[in-house]
PDB file of N, CA and C in Angstrom:
ATOM      1  N   MET A   1      -5.901 -12.643  16.113  1.00  0.00           N
ATOM      2  CA  MET A   1      -6.407 -12.942  14.795  1.00  0.00           C
ATOM      3  C   MET A   1      -5.256 -13.441  13.933  1.00  0.00           C
ATOM      4  N   GLY A   2      -5.565 -14.175  12.913  1.00  0.00           N
ATOM      5  CA  GLY A   2      -4.545 -14.808  12.101  1.00  0.00           C
ATOM      6  C   GLY A   2      -4.013 -13.964  10.966  1.00  0.00           C
ATOM      7  N   ALA A   3      -3.684 -14.655   9.890  1.00  0.00           N
ATOM      8  CA  ALA A   3      -3.077 -14.009   8.724  1.00  0.00           C
ATOM      9  C   ALA A   3      -4.027 -12.983   8.106  1.00  0.00           C
ATOM     10  N   TRP A   4      -3.430 -11.994   7.490  1.00  0.00           N
ATOM     11  CA  TRP A   4      -4.197 -10.943   6.828  1.00  0.00           C
ATOM     12  C   TRP A   4      -4.678 -11.437   5.468  1.00  0.00           C
ATOM     13  N   SER A   5      -5.920 -11.134   5.133  1.00  0.00           N
ATOM     14  CA  SER A   5      -6.452 -11.479   3.815  1.00  0.00           C
ATOM     15  C   SER A   5      -6.094 -10.368   2.829  1.00  0.00           C
ATOM     16  N   MET A   6      -6.186 -10.680   1.555  1.00  0.00           N
ATOM     17  CA  MET A   6      -5.928  -9.668   0.540  1.00  0.00           C
ATOM     18  C   MET A   6      -6.941  -8.527   0.672  1.00  0.00           C
ATOM     19  N   MET A   7      -8.190  -8.865   0.989  1.00  0.00           N
ATOM     20  CA  MET A   7      -9.215  -7.846   1.156  1.00  0.00           C
ATOM     21  C   MET A   7      -8.849  -6.888   2.287  1.00  0.00           C
ATOM     22  N   GLU A   8      -8.302  -7.420   3.373  1.00  0.00           N
ATOM     23  CA  GLU A   8      -7.882  -6.565   4.483  1.00  0.00           C
ATOM     24  C   GLU A   8      -6.703  -5.680   4.073  1.00  0.00           C
ATOM     25  N   ASP A   9      -5.747  -6.246   3.340  1.00  0.00           N
ATOM     26  CA  ASP A   9      -4.603  -5.449   2.873  1.00  0.00           C
ATOM     27  C   ASP A   9      -5.065  -4.305   1.972  1.00  0.00           C
ATOM     28  N   VAL A  10      -5.953  -4.610   1.037  1.00  0.00           N
ATOM     29  CA  VAL A  10      -6.464  -3.577   0.128  1.00  0.00           C
ATOM     30  C   VAL A  10      -7.250  -2.533   0.916  1.00  0.00           C
ATOM     31  N   SER A  11      -8.071  -2.984   1.856  1.00  0.00           N
ATOM     32  CA  SER A  11      -8.857  -2.053   2.681  1.00  0.00           C
ATOM     33  C   SER A  11      -7.950  -1.137   3.486  1.00  0.00           C
ATOM     34  N   LEU A  12      -6.864  -1.679   4.013  1.00  0.00           N
ATOM     35  CA  LEU A  12      -5.916  -0.867   4.771  1.00  0.00           C
ATOM     36  C   LEU A  12      -5.255   0.168   3.861  1.00  0.00           C
ATOM     37  N   CYS A  13      -4.838  -0.247   2.684  1.00  0.00           N
ATOM     38  CA  CYS A  13      -4.211   0.697   1.743  1.00  0.00           C
ATOM     39  C   CYS A  13      -5.184   1.804   1.351  1.00  0.00           C
ATOM     40  N   GLU A  14      -6.416   1.434   1.056  1.00  0.00           N
ATOM     41  CA  GLU A  14      -7.422   2.435   0.688  1.00  0.00           C
ATOM     42  C   GLU A  14      -7.689   3.400   1.837  1.00  0.00           C
ATOM     43  N   ALA A  15      -7.786   2.863   3.055  1.00  0.00           N
ATOM     44  CA  ALA A  15      -8.031   3.709   4.229  1.00  0.00           C
ATOM     45  C   ALA A  15      -6.858   4.654   4.464  1.00  0.00           C
ATOM     46  N   TRP A  16      -5.638   4.158   4.317  1.00  0.00           N
ATOM     47  CA  TRP A  16      -4.455   4.999   4.508  1.00  0.00           C
ATOM     48  C   TRP A  16      -4.444   6.142   3.492  1.00  0.00           C
ATOM     49  N   VAL A  17      -4.737   5.837   2.229  1.00  0.00           N
ATOM     50  CA  VAL A  17      -4.766   6.876   1.193  1.00  0.00           C
ATOM     51  C   VAL A  17      -5.852   7.897   1.507  1.00  0.00           C
ATOM     52  N   GLN A  18      -7.036   7.424   1.885  1.00  0.00           N
ATOM     53  CA  GLN A  18      -8.147   8.332   2.190  1.00  0.00           C
ATOM     54  C   GLN A  18      -7.767   9.320   3.287  1.00  0.00           C
ATOM     55  N   VAL A  19      -7.174   8.823   4.358  1.00  0.00           N
ATOM     56  CA  VAL A  19      -6.850   9.678   5.505  1.00  0.00           C
ATOM     57  C   VAL A  19      -5.617  10.534   5.227  1.00  0.00           C
ATOM     58  N   SER A  20      -4.586   9.946   4.672  1.00  0.00           N
ATOM     59  CA  SER A  20      -3.331  10.688   4.490  1.00  0.00           C
ATOM     60  C   SER A  20      -3.416  11.735   3.383  1.00  0.00           C
ATOM     61  N   HIS A  21      -4.355  11.593   2.476  1.00  0.00           N
ATOM     62  CA  HIS A  21      -4.514  12.561   1.389  1.00  0.00           C
ATOM     63  C   HIS A  21      -5.761  13.416   1.556  1.00  0.00           C
ATOM     64  N   CYS A  22      -6.276  13.489   2.761  1.00  0.00           N
ATOM     65  CA  CYS A  22      -7.462  14.294   3.047  1.00  0.00           C
ATOM     66  C   CYS A  22      -7.138  15.773   2.821  1.00  0.00           C
ATOM     67  N   PRO A  23      -7.918  16.462   1.981  1.00  0.00           N
ATOM     68  CA  PRO A  23      -7.627  17.871   1.710  1.00  0.00           C
ATOM     69  C   PRO A  23      -7.868  18.781   2.911  1.00  0.00           C
ATOM     70  N   VAL A  24      -8.652  18.322   3.881  1.00  0.00           N
ATOM     71  CA  VAL A  24      -8.951  19.143   5.059  1.00  0.00           C
ATOM     72  C   VAL A  24      -7.816  19.074   6.073  1.00  0.00           C
ATOM     73  N   THR A  25      -7.419  17.851   6.445  1.00  0.00           N
ATOM     74  CA  THR A  25      -6.382  17.697   7.471  1.00  0.00           C
ATOM     75  C   THR A  25      -4.989  17.577   6.872  1.00  0.00           C
ATOM     76  N   GLY A  26      -4.902  16.975   5.686  1.00  0.00           N
ATOM     77  CA  GLY A  26      -3.607  16.835   5.019  1.00  0.00           C
ATOM     78  C   GLY A  26      -2.557  16.231   5.924  1.00  0.00           C
ATOM     79  N   ASN A  27      -1.365  16.824   5.912  1.00  0.00           N
ATOM     80  CA  ASN A  27      -0.280  16.290   6.738  1.00  0.00           C
ATOM     81  C   ASN A  27      -0.237  16.949   8.110  1.00  0.00           C
ATOM     82  N   GLU A  28      -1.284  17.669   8.477  1.00  0.00           N
ATOM     83  CA  GLU A  28      -1.347  18.330   9.782  1.00  0.00           C
ATOM     84  C   GLU A  28      -1.896  17.413  10.875  1.00  0.00           C
ATOM     85  N   ILE A  29      -2.405  16.255  10.500  1.00  0.00           N
ATOM     86  CA  ILE A  29      -3.036  15.356  11.461  1.00  0.00           C
ATOM     87  C   ILE A  29      -1.981  14.719  12.367  1.00  0.00           C
ATOM     88  N   LYS A  30      -2.301  14.606  13.656  1.00  0.00           N
ATOM     89  CA  LYS A  30      -1.385  13.970  14.606  1.00  0.00           C
ATOM     90  C   LYS A  30      -1.361  12.472  14.360  1.00  0.00           C
ATOM     91  N   PHE A  31      -0.206  11.861  14.625  1.00  0.00           N
ATOM     92  CA  PHE A  31      -0.002  10.439  14.354  1.00  0.00           C
ATOM     93  C   PHE A  31      -1.062   9.574  15.023  1.00  0.00           C
ATOM     94  N   SER A  32      -1.323   9.794  16.306  1.00  0.00           N
ATOM     95  CA  SER A  32      -2.289   8.955  17.025  1.00  0.00           C
ATOM     96  C   SER A  32      -3.697   9.131  16.461  1.00  0.00           C
ATOM     97  N   HIS A  33      -4.052  10.351  16.116  1.00  0.00           N
ATOM     98  CA  HIS A  33      -5.382  10.602  15.550  1.00  0.00           C
ATOM     99  C   HIS A  33      -5.477  10.023  14.139  1.00  0.00           C
ATOM    100  N   MET A  34      -4.368  10.050  13.418  1.00  0.00           N
ATOM    101  CA  MET A  34      -4.354   9.503  12.070  1.00  0.00           C
ATOM    102  C   MET A  34      -4.741   8.028  12.082  1.00  0.00           C
ATOM    103  N   TRP A  35      -4.162   7.254  13.001  1.00  0.00           N
ATOM    104  CA  TRP A  35      -4.460   5.824  13.039  1.00  0.00           C
ATOM    105  C   TRP A  35      -5.873   5.549  13.527  1.00  0.00           C
ATOM    106  N   LYS A  36      -6.437   6.423  14.339  1.00  0.00           N
ATOM    107  CA  LYS A  36      -7.851   6.291  14.712  1.00  0.00           C
ATOM    108  C   LYS A  36      -8.722   6.449  13.470  1.00  0.00           C
ATOM    109  N   LYS A  37      -8.416   7.457  12.652  1.00  0.00           N
ATOM    110  CA  LYS A  37      -9.187   7.708  11.431  1.00  0.00           C
ATOM    111  C   LYS A  37      -8.976   6.588  10.406  1.00  0.00           C
ATOM    112  N   ILE A  38      -7.748   6.096  10.304  1.00  0.00           N
ATOM    113  CA  ILE A  38      -7.483   4.978   9.395  1.00  0.00           C
ATOM    114  C   ILE A  38      -8.258   3.753   9.853  1.00  0.00           C
ATOM    115  N   HIS A  39      -8.268   3.500  11.157  1.00  0.00           N
ATOM    116  CA  HIS A  39      -9.007   2.357  11.690  1.00  0.00           C
ATOM    117  C   HIS A  39     -10.492   2.482  11.358  1.00  0.00           C
ATOM    118  N   GLN A  40     -11.037   3.667  11.530  1.00  0.00           N
ATOM    119  CA  GLN A  40     -12.452   3.898  11.234  1.00  0.00           C
ATOM    120  C   GLN A  40     -12.735   3.644   9.745  1.00  0.00           C
ATOM    121  N   ALA A  41     -11.896   4.192   8.873  1.00  0.00           N
ATOM    122  CA  ALA A  41     -12.077   4.000   7.429  1.00  0.00           C
ATOM    123  C   ALA A  41     -11.889   2.532   7.048  1.00  0.00           C
ATOM    124  N   PHE A  42     -10.940   1.865   7.693  1.00  0.00           N
ATOM    125  CA  PHE A  42     -10.693   0.442   7.446  1.00  0.00           C
ATOM    126  C   PHE A  42     -11.923  -0.381   7.807  1.00  0.00           C
ATOM    127  N   CYS A  43     -12.500  -0.116   8.975  1.00  0.00           N
ATOM    128  CA  CYS A  43     -13.669  -0.877   9.442  1.00  0.00           C
ATOM    129  C   CYS A  43     -14.875  -0.680   8.528  1.00  0.00           C
ATOM    130  N   GLU A  44     -14.981   0.477   7.900  1.00  0.00           N
ATOM    131  CA  GLU A  44     -16.067   0.719   6.941  1.00  0.00           C
ATOM    132  C   GLU A  44     -15.898  -0.138   5.691  1.00  0.00           C
ATOM    133  N   ARG A  45     -14.674  -0.489   5.374  1.00  0.00           N
ATOM    134  CA  ARG A  45     -14.391  -1.281   4.176  1.00  0.00           C
ATOM    135  C   ARG A  45     -14.334  -2.778   4.483  1.00  0.00           C
ATOM    136  N   ALA A  46     -13.622  -3.131   5.526  1.00  0.00           N
ATOM    137  CA  ALA A  46     -13.393  -4.540   5.875  1.00  0.00           C
ATOM    138  C   ALA A  46     -14.440  -4.970   6.906  1.00  0.00           C
ATOM    139  N   ILE A  47     -15.664  -5.095   6.454  1.00  0.00           N
ATOM    140  CA  ILE A  47     -16.774  -5.444   7.337  1.00  0.00           C
ATOM    141  C   ILE A  47     -16.479  -6.781   8.022  1.00  0.00           C
ATOM    142  N   GLY A  48     -16.607  -6.780   9.337  1.00  0.00           N
ATOM    143  CA  GLY A  48     -16.400  -8.001  10.106  1.00  0.00           C
ATOM    144  C   GLY A  48     -14.982  -8.189  10.616  1.00  0.00           C
ATOM    145  N   SER A  49     -14.047  -7.398  10.137  1.00  0.00           N
ATOM    146  CA  SER A  49     -12.668  -7.511  10.611  1.00  0.00           C
ATOM    147  C   SER A  49     -12.574  -6.940  12.020  1.00  0.00           C
ATOM    148  N   THR A  50     -11.773  -7.577  12.846  1.00  0.00           N
ATOM    149  CA  THR A  50     -11.599  -7.129  14.234  1.00  0.00           C
ATOM    150  C   THR A  50     -10.191  -6.594  14.480  1.00  0.00           C
ATOM    151  N   ARG A  51      -9.526  -6.153  13.438  1.00  0.00           N
ATOM    152  CA  ARG A  51      -8.159  -5.631  13.579  1.00  0.00           C
ATOM    153  C   ARG A  51      -8.163  -4.339  14.394  1.00  0.00           C
ATOM    154  N   THR A  52      -7.157  -4.188  15.234  1.00  0.00           N
ATOM    155  CA  THR A  52      -7.025  -2.993  16.073  1.00  0.00           C
ATOM    156  C   THR A  52      -6.170  -1.943  15.370  1.00  0.00           C
ATOM    157  N   GLU A  53      -6.142  -0.737  15.941  1.00  0.00           N
ATOM    158  CA  GLU A  53      -5.281   0.321  15.397  1.00  0.00           C
ATOM    159  C   GLU A  53      -3.823  -0.124  15.402  1.00  0.00           C
ATOM    160  N   ILE A  54      -3.410  -0.779  16.470  1.00  0.00           N
ATOM    161  CA  ILE A  54      -2.020  -1.250  16.575  1.00  0.00           C
ATOM    162  C   ILE A  54      -1.731  -2.279  15.485  1.00  0.00           C
ATOM    163  N   ALA A  55      -2.686  -3.178  15.245  1.00  0.00           N
ATOM    164  CA  ALA A  55      -2.509  -4.185  14.196  1.00  0.00           C
ATOM    165  C   ALA A  55      -2.399  -3.523  12.826  1.00  0.00           C
ATOM    166  N   LEU A  56      -3.226  -2.505  12.593  1.00  0.00           N
ATOM    167  CA  LEU A  56      -3.173  -1.794  11.311  1.00  0.00           C
ATOM    168  C   LEU A  56      -1.826  -1.107  11.126  1.00  0.00           C
ATOM    169  N   SER A  57      -1.356  -0.450  12.167  1.00  0.00           N
ATOM    170  CA  SER A  57      -0.077   0.253  12.106  1.00  0.00           C
ATOM    171  C   SER A  57       1.070  -0.728  11.838  1.00  0.00           C
ATOM    172  N   SER A  58       1.042  -1.865  12.505  1.00  0.00           N
ATOM    173  CA  SER A  58       2.086  -2.881  12.308  1.00  0.00           C
ATOM    174  C   SER A  58       2.043  -3.444  10.892  1.00  0.00           C
ATOM    175  N   ARG A  59       0.839  -3.735  10.416  1.00  0.00           N
ATOM    176  CA  ARG A  59       0.699  -4.284   9.066  1.00  0.00           C
ATOM    177  C   ARG A  59       1.126  -3.255   8.026  1.00  0.00           C
ATOM    178  N   TRP A  60       0.823  -1.968   8.288  1.00  0.00           N
ATOM    179  CA  TRP A  60       1.193  -0.920   7.340  1.00  0.00           C
ATOM    180  C   TRP A  60       2.706  -0.858   7.157  1.00  0.00           C
ATOM    181  N   LYS A  61       3.456  -1.090   8.217  1.00  0.00           N
ATOM    182  CA  LYS A  61       4.919  -1.082   8.108  1.00  0.00           C
ATOM    183  C   LYS A  61       5.387  -2.141   7.112  1.00  0.00           C
ATOM    184  N   VAL A  62       4.771  -3.316   7.169  1.00  0.00           N
ATOM    185  CA  VAL A  62       5.122  -4.406   6.252  1.00  0.00           C
ATOM    186  C   VAL A  62       4.707  -4.049   4.824  1.00  0.00           C
ATOM    187  N   LEU A  63       3.455  -3.610   4.674  1.00  0.00           N
ATOM    188  CA  LEU A  63       2.951  -3.269   3.342  1.00  0.00           C
ATOM    189  C   LEU A  63       3.732  -2.121   2.719  1.00  0.00           C
ATOM    190  N   ASN A  64       4.012  -1.102   3.500  1.00  0.00           N
ATOM    191  CA  ASN A  64       4.705   0.073   2.980  1.00  0.00           C
ATOM    192  C   ASN A  64       6.089  -0.296   2.439  1.00  0.00           C
ATOM    193  N   LYS A  65       6.761  -1.206   3.121  1.00  0.00           N
ATOM    194  CA  LYS A  65       8.074  -1.667   2.655  1.00  0.00           C
ATOM    195  C   LYS A  65       7.939  -2.367   1.297  1.00  0.00           C
ATOM    196  N   GLU A  66       6.945  -3.248   1.171  1.00  0.00           N
ATOM    197  CA  GLU A  66       6.724  -3.957  -0.088  1.00  0.00           C
ATOM    198  C   GLU A  66       6.253  -3.010  -1.191  1.00  0.00           C
ATOM    199  N   LEU A  67       5.405  -2.061  -0.842  1.00  0.00           N
ATOM    200  CA  LEU A  67       4.941  -1.084  -1.826  1.00  0.00           C
ATOM    201  C   LEU A  67       6.101  -0.234  -2.342  1.00  0.00           C
ATOM    202  N   GLY A  68       7.050   0.060  -1.477  1.00  0.00           N
ATOM    203  CA  GLY A  68       8.244   0.791  -1.904  1.00  0.00           C
ATOM    204  C   GLY A  68       9.048   0.000  -2.922  1.00  0.00           C
ATOM    205  N   LYS A  69       9.170  -1.299  -2.702  1.00  0.00           N
ATOM    206  CA  LYS A  69       9.880  -2.154  -3.666  1.00  0.00           C
ATOM    207  C   LYS A  69       9.147  -2.155  -5.009  1.00  0.00           C
ATOM    208  N   TRP A  70       7.802  -2.216  -4.955  1.00  0.00           N
ATOM    209  CA  TRP A  70       7.018  -2.207  -6.189  1.00  0.00           C
ATOM    210  C   TRP A  70       7.189  -0.875  -6.925  1.00  0.00           C
ATOM    211  N   ARG A  71       7.122   0.235  -6.195  1.00  0.00           N
ATOM    212  CA  ARG A  71       7.309   1.552  -6.823  1.00  0.00           C
ATOM    213  C   ARG A  71       8.666   1.630  -7.516  1.00  0.00           C
ATOM    214  N   ASN A  72       9.698   1.127  -6.861  1.00  0.00           N
ATOM    215  CA  ASN A  72      11.045   1.149  -7.448  1.00  0.00           C
ATOM    216  C   ASN A  72      11.121   0.287  -8.704  1.00  0.00           C
ATOM    217  N   ALA A  73      10.511  -0.899  -8.652  1.00  0.00           N
ATOM    218  CA  ALA A  73      10.522  -1.786  -9.819  1.00  0.00           C
ATOM    219  C   ALA A  73       9.759  -1.159 -10.979  1.00  0.00           C
ATOM    220  N   LEU A  74       8.625  -0.539 -10.698  1.00  0.00           N
ATOM    221  CA  LEU A  74       7.838   0.095 -11.753  1.00  0.00           C
ATOM    222  C   LEU A  74       8.580   1.299 -12.336  1.00  0.00           C
ATOM    223  N   ALA A  75       9.211   2.083 -11.482  1.00  0.00           N
ATOM    224  CA  ALA A  75       9.985   3.236 -11.964  1.00  0.00           C
ATOM    225  C   ALA A  75      11.133   2.771 -12.861  1.00  0.00           C
ATOM    226  N   LYS A  76      11.784   1.680 -12.474  1.00  0.00           N
ATOM    227  CA  LYS A  76      12.882   1.143 -13.278  1.00  0.00           C
ATOM    228  C   LYS A  76      12.362   0.680 -14.639  1.00  0.00           C
ATOM    229  N   ALA A  77      11.203   0.026 -14.652  1.00  0.00           N
ATOM    230  CA  ALA A  77      10.623  -0.441 -15.915  1.00  0.00           C
ATOM    231  C   ALA A  77      10.251   0.736 -16.807  1.00  0.00           C
ATOM    232  N   ILE A  78       9.699   1.780 -16.225  1.00  0.00           N
ATOM    233  CA  ILE A  78       9.326   2.970 -17.005  1.00  0.00           C
ATOM    234  C   ILE A  78      10.572   3.664 -17.544  1.00  0.00           C
ATOM    235  N   ASP A  79      11.616   3.742 -16.714  1.00  0.00           N
ATOM    236  CA  ASP A  79      12.873   4.367 -17.150  1.00  0.00           C
ATOM    237  C   ASP A  79      13.523   3.602 -18.299  1.00  0.00           C
ATOM    238  N   ASN A  80      13.300   2.291 -18.343  1.00  0.00           N
ATOM    239  CA  ASN A  80      13.896   1.450 -19.385  1.00  0.00           C
ATOM    240  C   ASN A  80      12.932   1.205 -20.544  1.00  0.00           C
ATOM    241  N   HIS A  81      11.945   2.066 -20.691  1.00  0.00           N
ATOM    242  CA  HIS A  81      10.941   1.927 -21.749  1.00  0.00           C
ATOM    243  C   HIS A  81      11.614   1.879 -23.119  1.00  0.00           C
ATOM    244  N   ARG A  82      11.201   0.902 -23.912  1.00  0.00           N
ATOM    245  CA  ARG A  82      11.723   0.773 -25.273  1.00  0.00           C
ATOM    246  C   ARG A  82      10.628   1.126 -26.271  1.00  0.00           C
ATOM    247  N   SER A  83      11.022   1.644 -27.378  1.00  0.00           N
ATOM    248  CA  SER A  83      10.075   2.002 -28.430  1.00  0.00           C
ATOM    249  C   SER A  83       9.226   0.787 -28.798  1.00  0.00           C
ATOM    250  N   GLY A  84       7.936   1.001 -28.920  1.00  0.00           N
ATOM    251  CA  GLY A  84       7.027  -0.082 -29.287  1.00  0.00           C
ATOM    252  C   GLY A  84       6.420  -0.799 -28.101  1.00  0.00           C
ATOM    253  N   GLU A  85       6.946  -0.571 -26.902  1.00  0.00           N
ATOM    254  CA  GLU A  85       6.375  -1.200 -25.710  1.00  0.00           C
ATOM    255  C   GLU A  85       5.220  -0.357 -25.193  1.00  0.00           C
ATOM    256  N   ASN A  86       4.299  -1.016 -24.522  1.00  0.00           N
ATOM    257  CA  ASN A  86       3.179  -0.303 -23.924  1.00  0.00           C
ATOM    258  C   ASN A  86       3.190  -0.501 -22.413  1.00  0.00           C
ATOM    259  N   LEU A  87       2.180   0.022 -21.754  1.00  0.00           N
ATOM    260  CA  LEU A  87       2.116  -0.065 -20.296  1.00  0.00           C
ATOM    261  C   LEU A  87       2.111  -1.511 -19.812  1.00  0.00           C
ATOM    262  N   SER A  88       1.452  -2.396 -20.549  1.00  0.00           N
ATOM    263  CA  SER A  88       1.425  -3.810 -20.152  1.00  0.00           C
ATOM    264  C   SER A  88       2.831  -4.396 -20.112  1.00  0.00           C
ATOM    265  N   SER A  89       3.650  -4.044 -21.095  1.00  0.00           N
ATOM    266  CA  SER A  89       5.036  -4.530 -21.124  1.00  0.00           C
ATOM    267  C   SER A  89       5.811  -4.005 -19.926  1.00  0.00           C
ATOM    268  N   GLU A  90       5.601  -2.731 -19.604  1.00  0.00           N
ATOM    269  CA  GLU A  90       6.302  -2.136 -18.465  1.00  0.00           C
ATOM    270  C   GLU A  90       5.872  -2.793 -17.155  1.00  0.00           C
ATOM    271  N   ILE A  91       4.596  -3.078 -17.019  1.00  0.00           N
ATOM    272  CA  ILE A  91       4.105  -3.723 -15.795  1.00  0.00           C
ATOM    273  C   ILE A  91       4.678  -5.132 -15.679  1.00  0.00           C
ATOM    274  N   MET A  92       4.719  -5.868 -16.792  1.00  0.00           N
ATOM    275  CA  MET A  92       5.302  -7.215 -16.751  1.00  0.00           C
ATOM    276  C   MET A  92       6.776  -7.153 -16.366  1.00  0.00           C
ATOM    277  N   GLN A  93       7.505  -6.176 -16.918  1.00  0.00           N
ATOM    278  CA  GLN A  93       8.919  -6.012 -16.573  1.00  0.00           C
ATOM    279  C   GLN A  93       9.056  -5.664 -15.093  1.00  0.00           C
ATOM    280  N   ALA A  94       8.203  -4.783 -14.601  1.00  0.00           N
ATOM    281  CA  ALA A  94       8.244  -4.404 -13.186  1.00  0.00           C
ATOM    282  C   ALA A  94       7.963  -5.611 -12.301  1.00  0.00           C
ATOM    283  N   GLN A  95       7.020  -6.454 -12.704  1.00  0.00           N
ATOM    284  CA  GLN A  95       6.715  -7.655 -11.922  1.00  0.00           C
ATOM    285  C   GLN A  95       7.917  -8.583 -11.854  1.00  0.00           C
ATOM    286  N   MET A  96       8.653  -8.692 -12.947  1.00  0.00           N
ATOM    287  CA  MET A  96       9.860  -9.528 -12.938  1.00  0.00           C
ATOM    288  C   MET A  96      10.891  -8.955 -11.977  1.00  0.00           C
ATOM    289  N   TRP A  97      11.124  -7.630 -12.036  1.00  0.00           N
ATOM    290  CA  TRP A  97      12.098  -7.006 -11.141  1.00  0.00           C
ATOM    291  C   TRP A  97      11.628  -7.059  -9.696  1.00  0.00           C
ATOM    292  N   PHE A  98      10.342  -6.861  -9.476  1.00  0.00           N
ATOM    293  CA  PHE A  98       9.796  -6.914  -8.119  1.00  0.00           C
ATOM    294  C   PHE A  98       9.990  -8.304  -7.527  1.00  0.00           C
ATOM    295  N   GLY A  99       9.737  -9.330  -8.330  1.00  0.00           N
ATOM    296  CA  GLY A  99       9.916 -10.704  -7.866  1.00  0.00           C
ATOM    297  C   GLY A  99      11.366 -11.051  -7.598  1.00  0.00           C
ATOM    298  N   ALA A 100      12.274 -10.352  -8.261  1.00  0.00           N
ATOM    299  CA  ALA A 100      13.705 -10.627  -8.105  1.00  0.00           C
ATOM    300  C   ALA A 100      14.320  -9.867  -6.939  1.00  0.00           C
ATOM    301  N   VAL A 101      13.601  -8.892  -6.372  1.00  0.00           N
ATOM    302  CA  VAL A 101      14.140  -8.104  -5.258  1.00  0.00           C
ATOM    303  C   VAL A 101      14.457  -9.046  -4.104  1.00  0.00           C
ATOM    304  N   GLY A 102      15.620  -8.884  -3.533  1.00  0.00           N
ATOM    305  CA  GLY A 102      16.015  -9.719  -2.406  1.00  0.00           C
ATOM    306  C   GLY A 102      16.746 -10.979  -2.823  1.00  0.00           C
ATOM    307  N   ARG A 103      16.779 -11.260  -4.118  1.00  0.00           N
ATOM    308  CA  ARG A 103      17.481 -12.456  -4.592  1.00  0.00           C
ATOM    309  C   ARG A 103      18.841 -12.111  -5.173  1.00  0.00           C
ATOM    310  N   TRP A 104      19.170 -10.818  -5.228  1.00  0.00           N
ATOM    311  CA  TRP A 104      20.438 -10.404  -5.829  1.00  0.00           C
ATOM    312  C   TRP A 104      21.575 -10.599  -4.891  1.00  0.00           C
TER     313      TRP A 104
END
């Protein structure tokens, strides 16, 4: 299968959150079983997608790295909050820093 769509990326993120934050299994779930459950949750969201568990796991590695950069940029923007700024200003600042990551 080809490039990942935004809908597939969002579906994967939602499925990962659903499974990894499950109050019943929590962090006690085995790695192999976790990806089976993520795949199942993903397929419920991304109707028609034929991505495999291995594909989801590989894509998650890429997304997780980028999400980490976004979290860092947002944290930096919040830490540099100036009086009179609101959340929109902080998000715009985070987007600028996120876009600049890797160019330094």
